[in-house]
Amino acid sequence: MPGESKTQADRQPLRLQYLPNFLTSLRFATAPFIAWLLVVQDFRPALGVVLFAGVTDWLDGFTARRLGVTGKIGAILDPLADKSLLVLLFLVLGAIGRIPLWMVGLAVARDLVIITGAILLRRLRGVRRFAPSVLGKVTTFFQIILVLMVLVHAAYPDQFNGWLALAALALSAFFTIVSGADYIRRGLIMARRHAPTRQ
C-alpha cells in the first residue's frame, strides 16, 4: 500500500523525534551548574547532578534507538556533550585540588594530541573517519570512574575510603598514557597509508 513504507522516525509524533537531542542539551546545561557546585565545594549536590547527567546520557541513546531517530546532529552532539562535561569535571576538580594537576595535564594533553592529529590527517591526507579505539573507550571509562570516585569520597568522606579514588587515578593515568601513545601510532599508520603516491 502507498505510504506504508514510512520509517519508524516518520511514524513518531514530531515532539518525540526531538527527545534524544533535548536530553543531550540537558547534559550541556548541567555543565555550568556542576562547575559552580564544585567551586563552592558543595559535593553532594554536585554528585547528584553528575549522576543525573549520566542518566540523560543513557536515556538519549536509548530513546534514539527505540524511536529510530538517530541522525547526524545527534551523532555529533552526544559525544561532544560527554567529552565537554568530562573535560570540565577534570579541570574544575584539578583547580580545587581534588584531582592532581599532573593527571589533568595528561588527560588534556591526550585530547589535544587526538584533536590535532585528526585535523592534520583531514587537512593533509583527506582522512575523514576516525573510529575510537578500544583503548580510547577503556580510558574514557576509567576517567569517568575516577571522577565519580573522587566525588563520592568528597561527598561522603566518612563512609568511603580514599583508596578507591587512588586506584581509579592509577588506572586512569595508565590508560591515558597508553591510549595516547596508541592514537599517535594509529595516526602515523593512517598518514603513511593515505600518503600521496609519487608519479
C-alpha atoms as a PDB file:
ATOM      1  CA  MET A   1       0.000   0.000   0.000  1.00  0.00           C
ATOM      2  CA  PRO A   2       1.286   3.502  -0.772  1.00  0.00           C
ATOM      3  CA  GLY A   3       2.590   5.314   2.235  1.00  0.00           C
ATOM      4  CA  GLU A   4       3.192   2.164   4.296  1.00  0.00           C
ATOM      5  CA  SER A   5       6.967   2.343   3.824  1.00  0.00           C
ATOM      6  CA  LYS A   6       7.423   5.193   6.265  1.00  0.00           C
ATOM      7  CA  THR A   7      10.373   4.867   8.572  1.00  0.00           C
ATOM      8  CA  GLN A   8       9.948   4.446  12.296  1.00  0.00           C
ATOM      9  CA  ALA A   9      11.039   8.068  12.777  1.00  0.00           C
ATOM     10  CA  ASP A  10       8.370   9.259  10.341  1.00  0.00           C
ATOM     11  CA  ARG A  11       5.675   7.477  12.362  1.00  0.00           C
ATOM     12  CA  GLN A  12       6.728   9.123  15.634  1.00  0.00           C
ATOM     13  CA  PRO A  13       4.994  12.287  16.854  1.00  0.00           C
ATOM     14  CA  LEU A  14       7.075  15.314  15.919  1.00  0.00           C
ATOM     15  CA  ARG A  15       7.918  16.178  19.528  1.00  0.00           C
ATOM     16  CA  LEU A  16       9.257  12.696  20.293  1.00  0.00           C
ATOM     17  CA  GLN A  17      11.742  12.950  17.423  1.00  0.00           C
ATOM     18  CA  TYR A  18      13.486  15.763  19.281  1.00  0.00           C
ATOM     19  CA  LEU A  19      13.589  13.980  22.651  1.00  0.00           C
ATOM     20  CA  PRO A  20      17.125  12.490  22.306  1.00  0.00           C
ATOM     21  CA  ASN A  21      18.631  15.851  21.318  1.00  0.00           C
ATOM     22  CA  PHE A  22      16.696  17.542  24.127  1.00  0.00           C
ATOM     23  CA  LEU A  23      18.237  15.117  26.621  1.00  0.00           C
ATOM     24  CA  THR A  24      21.677  15.844  25.185  1.00  0.00           C
ATOM     25  CA  SER A  25      21.002  19.574  25.557  1.00  0.00           C
ATOM     26  CA  LEU A  26      20.136  18.983  29.211  1.00  0.00           C
ATOM     27  CA  ARG A  27      23.582  17.477  29.672  1.00  0.00           C
ATOM     28  CA  PHE A  28      25.164  20.610  28.211  1.00  0.00           C
ATOM     29  CA  ALA A  29      23.014  22.724  30.539  1.00  0.00           C
ATOM     30  CA  THR A  30      24.207  20.871  33.657  1.00  0.00           C
ATOM     31  CA  ALA A  31      27.865  21.739  32.997  1.00  0.00           C
ATOM     32  CA  PRO A  32      27.993  25.294  34.448  1.00  0.00           C
ATOM     33  CA  PHE A  33      25.800  24.255  37.382  1.00  0.00           C
ATOM     34  CA  ILE A  34      28.140  21.358  38.207  1.00  0.00           C
ATOM     35  CA  ALA A  35      31.161  23.654  37.900  1.00  0.00           C
ATOM     36  CA  TRP A  36      29.640  26.148  40.344  1.00  0.00           C
ATOM     37  CA  LEU A  37      28.753  23.423  42.871  1.00  0.00           C
ATOM     38  CA  LEU A  38      32.320  22.097  42.731  1.00  0.00           C
ATOM     39  CA  VAL A  39      33.876  25.544  43.124  1.00  0.00           C
ATOM     40  CA  VAL A  40      31.827  26.174  46.278  1.00  0.00           C
ATOM     41  CA  GLN A  41      32.652  22.568  47.294  1.00  0.00           C
ATOM     42  CA  ASP A  42      29.036  21.500  47.657  1.00  0.00           C
ATOM     43  CA  PHE A  43      29.927  17.953  46.689  1.00  0.00           C
ATOM     44  CA  ARG A  44      26.741  16.018  47.397  1.00  0.00           C
ATOM     45  CA  PRO A  45      24.525  18.078  45.086  1.00  0.00           C
ATOM     46  CA  ALA A  46      27.365  18.069  42.534  1.00  0.00           C
ATOM     47  CA  LEU A  47      27.473  14.268  42.654  1.00  0.00           C
ATOM     48  CA  GLY A  48      23.705  14.154  42.210  1.00  0.00           C
ATOM     49  CA  VAL A  49      23.796  16.417  39.144  1.00  0.00           C
ATOM     50  CA  VAL A  50      26.654  14.384  37.644  1.00  0.00           C
ATOM     51  CA  LEU A  51      24.631  11.195  38.119  1.00  0.00           C
ATOM     52  CA  PHE A  52      21.618  12.929  36.556  1.00  0.00           C
ATOM     53  CA  ALA A  53      23.796  13.850  33.560  1.00  0.00           C
ATOM     54  CA  GLY A  54      24.845  10.204  33.312  1.00  0.00           C
ATOM     55  CA  VAL A  55      21.201   9.108  33.267  1.00  0.00           C
ATOM     56  CA  THR A  56      20.410  11.560  30.454  1.00  0.00           C
ATOM     57  CA  ASP A  57      23.388  10.149  28.542  1.00  0.00           C
ATOM     58  CA  TRP A  58      21.912   6.667  28.746  1.00  0.00           C
ATOM     59  CA  LEU A  59      18.376   7.875  28.040  1.00  0.00           C
ATOM     60  CA  ASP A  60      19.219   9.837  24.906  1.00  0.00           C
ATOM     61  CA  GLY A  61      20.911   6.812  23.361  1.00  0.00           C
ATOM     62  CA  PHE A  62      18.085   4.512  24.431  1.00  0.00           C
ATOM     63  CA  THR A  63      15.311   6.779  23.146  1.00  0.00           C
ATOM     64  CA  ALA A  64      17.159   7.467  19.875  1.00  0.00           C
ATOM     65  CA  ARG A  65      17.379   3.725  19.197  1.00  0.00           C
ATOM     66  CA  ARG A  66      13.804   2.985  20.248  1.00  0.00           C
ATOM     67  CA  LEU A  67      12.353   5.882  18.269  1.00  0.00           C
ATOM     68  CA  GLY A  68      14.623   5.310  15.296  1.00  0.00           C
ATOM     69  CA  VAL A  69      15.665   8.965  15.178  1.00  0.00           C
ATOM     70  CA  THR A  70      19.449   8.697  15.224  1.00  0.00           C
ATOM     71  CA  GLY A  71      20.932  11.303  12.900  1.00  0.00           C
ATOM     72  CA  LYS A  72      23.978  13.383  12.120  1.00  0.00           C
ATOM     73  CA  ILE A  73      23.169  16.093  14.655  1.00  0.00           C
ATOM     74  CA  GLY A  74      22.756  13.616  17.488  1.00  0.00           C
ATOM     75  CA  ALA A  75      25.864  11.721  16.428  1.00  0.00           C
ATOM     76  CA  ILE A  76      27.847  14.953  16.849  1.00  0.00           C
ATOM     77  CA  LEU A  77      26.129  16.460  19.890  1.00  0.00           C
ATOM     78  CA  ASP A  78      26.085  13.325  22.064  1.00  0.00           C
ATOM     79  CA  PRO A  79      29.853  12.628  22.181  1.00  0.00           C
ATOM     80  CA  LEU A  80      30.542  16.376  22.280  1.00  0.00           C
ATOM     81  CA  ALA A  81      28.368  16.733  25.387  1.00  0.00           C
ATOM     82  CA  ASP A  82      30.082  13.753  27.027  1.00  0.00           C
ATOM     83  CA  LYS A  83      33.591  14.991  26.287  1.00  0.00           C
ATOM     84  CA  SER A  84      32.818  18.594  27.259  1.00  0.00           C
ATOM     85  CA  LEU A  85      31.394  17.543  30.607  1.00  0.00           C
ATOM     86  CA  LEU A  86      34.276  15.169  31.341  1.00  0.00           C
ATOM     87  CA  VAL A  87      36.910  17.799  30.470  1.00  0.00           C
ATOM     88  CA  LEU A  88      35.086  20.374  32.608  1.00  0.00           C
ATOM     89  CA  LEU A  89      34.992  17.987  35.570  1.00  0.00           C
ATOM     90  CA  PHE A  90      38.705  17.267  35.236  1.00  0.00           C
ATOM     91  CA  LEU A  91      39.596  20.961  35.008  1.00  0.00           C
ATOM     92  CA  VAL A  92      37.470  22.064  37.958  1.00  0.00           C
ATOM     93  CA  LEU A  93      38.389  19.104  40.171  1.00  0.00           C
ATOM     94  CA  GLY A  94      42.029  19.819  39.352  1.00  0.00           C
ATOM     95  CA  ALA A  95      41.619  23.514  40.140  1.00  0.00           C
ATOM     96  CA  ILE A  96      40.162  22.785  43.585  1.00  0.00           C
ATOM     97  CA  GLY A  97      42.814  20.173  44.354  1.00  0.00           C
ATOM     98  CA  ARG A  98      40.689  17.033  44.137  1.00  0.00           C
ATOM     99  CA  ILE A  99      42.475  15.573  41.098  1.00  0.00           C
ATOM    100  CA  PRO A 100      46.271  16.011  40.783  1.00  0.00           C
ATOM    101  CA  LEU A 101      47.228  18.618  38.220  1.00  0.00           C
ATOM    102  CA  TRP A 102      49.563  16.152  36.502  1.00  0.00           C
ATOM    103  CA  MET A 103      46.562  13.886  35.838  1.00  0.00           C
ATOM    104  CA  VAL A 104      44.584  16.808  34.465  1.00  0.00           C
ATOM    105  CA  GLY A 105      47.563  17.659  32.250  1.00  0.00           C
ATOM    106  CA  LEU A 106      47.777  14.072  30.996  1.00  0.00           C
ATOM    107  CA  ALA A 107      44.078  13.964  30.109  1.00  0.00           C
ATOM    108  CA  VAL A 108      44.095  17.345  28.367  1.00  0.00           C
ATOM    109  CA  ALA A 109      47.348  16.593  26.522  1.00  0.00           C
ATOM    110  CA  ARG A 110      45.921  13.304  25.235  1.00  0.00           C
ATOM    111  CA  ASP A 111      42.795  15.018  23.946  1.00  0.00           C
ATOM    112  CA  LEU A 112      44.871  17.747  22.280  1.00  0.00           C
ATOM    113  CA  VAL A 113      47.044  15.104  20.591  1.00  0.00           C
ATOM    114  CA  ILE A 114      43.930  13.335  19.264  1.00  0.00           C
ATOM    115  CA  ILE A 115      42.296  16.553  18.045  1.00  0.00           C
ATOM    116  CA  THR A 116      45.499  17.863  16.448  1.00  0.00           C
ATOM    117  CA  GLY A 117      46.183  14.528  14.766  1.00  0.00           C
ATOM    118  CA  ALA A 118      42.627  14.330  13.418  1.00  0.00           C
ATOM    119  CA  ILE A 119      42.874  17.851  11.977  1.00  0.00           C
ATOM    120  CA  LEU A 120      46.242  17.141  10.349  1.00  0.00           C
ATOM    121  CA  LEU A 121      45.047  13.858   8.864  1.00  0.00           C
ATOM    122  CA  ARG A 122      41.953  15.541   7.476  1.00  0.00           C
ATOM    123  CA  ARG A 123      43.829  18.515   6.013  1.00  0.00           C
ATOM    124  CA  LEU A 124      46.945  16.763   4.741  1.00  0.00           C
ATOM    125  CA  ARG A 125      45.686  13.252   3.928  1.00  0.00           C
ATOM    126  CA  GLY A 126      41.951  13.688   3.399  1.00  0.00           C
ATOM    127  CA  VAL A 127      41.067  11.195   6.137  1.00  0.00           C
ATOM    128  CA  ARG A 128      37.534  11.882   7.350  1.00  0.00           C
ATOM    129  CA  ARG A 129      36.687   8.900   9.540  1.00  0.00           C
ATOM    130  CA  PHE A 130      38.324   8.468  12.925  1.00  0.00           C
ATOM    131  CA  ALA A 131      36.905   5.480  14.747  1.00  0.00           C
ATOM    132  CA  PRO A 132      37.561   5.443  18.513  1.00  0.00           C
ATOM    133  CA  SER A 133      39.879   2.668  19.629  1.00  0.00           C
ATOM    134  CA  VAL A 134      39.156   0.089  22.302  1.00  0.00           C
ATOM    135  CA  LEU A 135      41.925   1.613  24.427  1.00  0.00           C
ATOM    136  CA  GLY A 136      40.310   5.014  23.986  1.00  0.00           C
ATOM    137  CA  LYS A 137      36.975   3.715  25.246  1.00  0.00           C
ATOM    138  CA  VAL A 138      38.658   1.993  28.193  1.00  0.00           C
ATOM    139  CA  THR A 139      40.456   5.243  29.023  1.00  0.00           C
ATOM    140  CA  THR A 140      37.216   7.219  28.978  1.00  0.00           C
ATOM    141  CA  PHE A 141      35.617   4.593  31.222  1.00  0.00           C
ATOM    142  CA  PHE A 142      38.361   4.862  33.847  1.00  0.00           C
ATOM    143  CA  GLN A 143      38.393   8.655  33.645  1.00  0.00           C
ATOM    144  CA  ILE A 144      34.669   8.650  34.391  1.00  0.00           C
ATOM    145  CA  ILE A 145      35.217   6.188  37.246  1.00  0.00           C
ATOM    146  CA  LEU A 146      37.967   8.468  38.597  1.00  0.00           C
ATOM    147  CA  VAL A 147      35.650  11.493  38.604  1.00  0.00           C
ATOM    148  CA  LEU A 148      32.869   9.507  40.285  1.00  0.00           C
ATOM    149  CA  MET A 149      35.172   8.049  42.953  1.00  0.00           C
ATOM    150  CA  VAL A 150      36.630  11.486  43.707  1.00  0.00           C
ATOM    151  CA  LEU A 151      33.155  12.984  44.014  1.00  0.00           C
ATOM    152  CA  VAL A 152      31.852  10.105  46.150  1.00  0.00           C
ATOM    153  CA  HIS A 153      34.832  10.382  48.505  1.00  0.00           C
ATOM    154  CA  ALA A 154      34.455  14.171  48.682  1.00  0.00           C
ATOM    155  CA  ALA A 155      30.717  13.931  49.318  1.00  0.00           C
ATOM    156  CA  TYR A 156      30.921  11.099  51.866  1.00  0.00           C
ATOM    157  CA  PRO A 157      34.455  11.144  53.338  1.00  0.00           C
ATOM    158  CA  ASP A 158      33.447   9.149  56.426  1.00  0.00           C
ATOM    159  CA  GLN A 159      31.679   6.373  54.534  1.00  0.00           C
ATOM    160  CA  PHE A 160      34.075   5.826  51.627  1.00  0.00           C
ATOM    161  CA  ASN A 161      37.805   5.254  51.873  1.00  0.00           C
ATOM    162  CA  GLY A 162      40.035   7.233  49.523  1.00  0.00           C
ATOM    163  CA  TRP A 163      41.842   4.129  48.241  1.00  0.00           C
ATOM    164  CA  LEU A 164      39.139   3.632  45.605  1.00  0.00           C
ATOM    165  CA  ALA A 165      39.896   7.074  44.180  1.00  0.00           C
ATOM    166  CA  LEU A 166      43.627   6.308  44.264  1.00  0.00           C
ATOM    167  CA  ALA A 167      43.092   3.038  42.379  1.00  0.00           C
ATOM    168  CA  ALA A 168      40.948   4.828  39.810  1.00  0.00           C
ATOM    169  CA  LEU A 169      43.631   7.511  39.499  1.00  0.00           C
ATOM    170  CA  ALA A 170      46.345   4.932  38.805  1.00  0.00           C
ATOM    171  CA  LEU A 171      44.260   3.094  36.200  1.00  0.00           C
ATOM    172  CA  SER A 172      43.116   6.326  34.584  1.00  0.00           C
ATOM    173  CA  ALA A 173      46.687   7.614  34.302  1.00  0.00           C
ATOM    174  CA  PHE A 174      47.949   4.321  32.894  1.00  0.00           C
ATOM    175  CA  PHE A 175      45.310   4.018  30.200  1.00  0.00           C
ATOM    176  CA  THR A 176      45.505   7.722  29.357  1.00  0.00           C
ATOM    177  CA  ILE A 177      49.220   7.348  28.558  1.00  0.00           C
ATOM    178  CA  VAL A 178      48.830   4.027  26.742  1.00  0.00           C
ATOM    179  CA  SER A 179      45.855   5.126  24.656  1.00  0.00           C
ATOM    180  CA  GLY A 180      47.536   8.439  23.796  1.00  0.00           C
ATOM    181  CA  ALA A 181      50.570   6.567  22.503  1.00  0.00           C
ATOM    182  CA  ASP A 182      48.280   4.168  20.617  1.00  0.00           C
ATOM    183  CA  TYR A 183      46.443   7.047  18.918  1.00  0.00           C
ATOM    184  CA  ILE A 184      49.775   8.511  17.814  1.00  0.00           C
ATOM    185  CA  ARG A 185      50.794   5.109  16.402  1.00  0.00           C
ATOM    186  CA  ARG A 186      47.477   4.731  14.577  1.00  0.00           C
ATOM    187  CA  GLY A 187      47.714   8.276  13.247  1.00  0.00           C
ATOM    188  CA  LEU A 188      51.169   7.646  11.782  1.00  0.00           C
ATOM    189  CA  ILE A 189      49.949   4.442  10.140  1.00  0.00           C
ATOM    190  CA  MET A 190      46.968   6.273   8.615  1.00  0.00           C
ATOM    191  CA  ALA A 191      49.223   9.091   7.413  1.00  0.00           C
ATOM    192  CA  ARG A 192      51.514   6.631   5.634  1.00  0.00           C
ATOM    193  CA  ARG A 193      48.589   4.679   4.203  1.00  0.00           C
ATOM    194  CA  HIS A 194      46.993   7.795   2.724  1.00  0.00           C
ATOM    195  CA  ALA A 195      50.229   9.431   1.588  1.00  0.00           C
ATOM    196  CA  PRO A 196      50.035  10.775  -1.993  1.00  0.00           C
ATOM    197  CA  THR A 197      51.644   8.432  -4.494  1.00  0.00           C
ATOM    198  CA  ARG A 198      54.660   9.724  -6.385  1.00  0.00           C
ATOM    199  CA  GLN A 199      54.437   9.763 -10.141  1.00  0.00           C
END
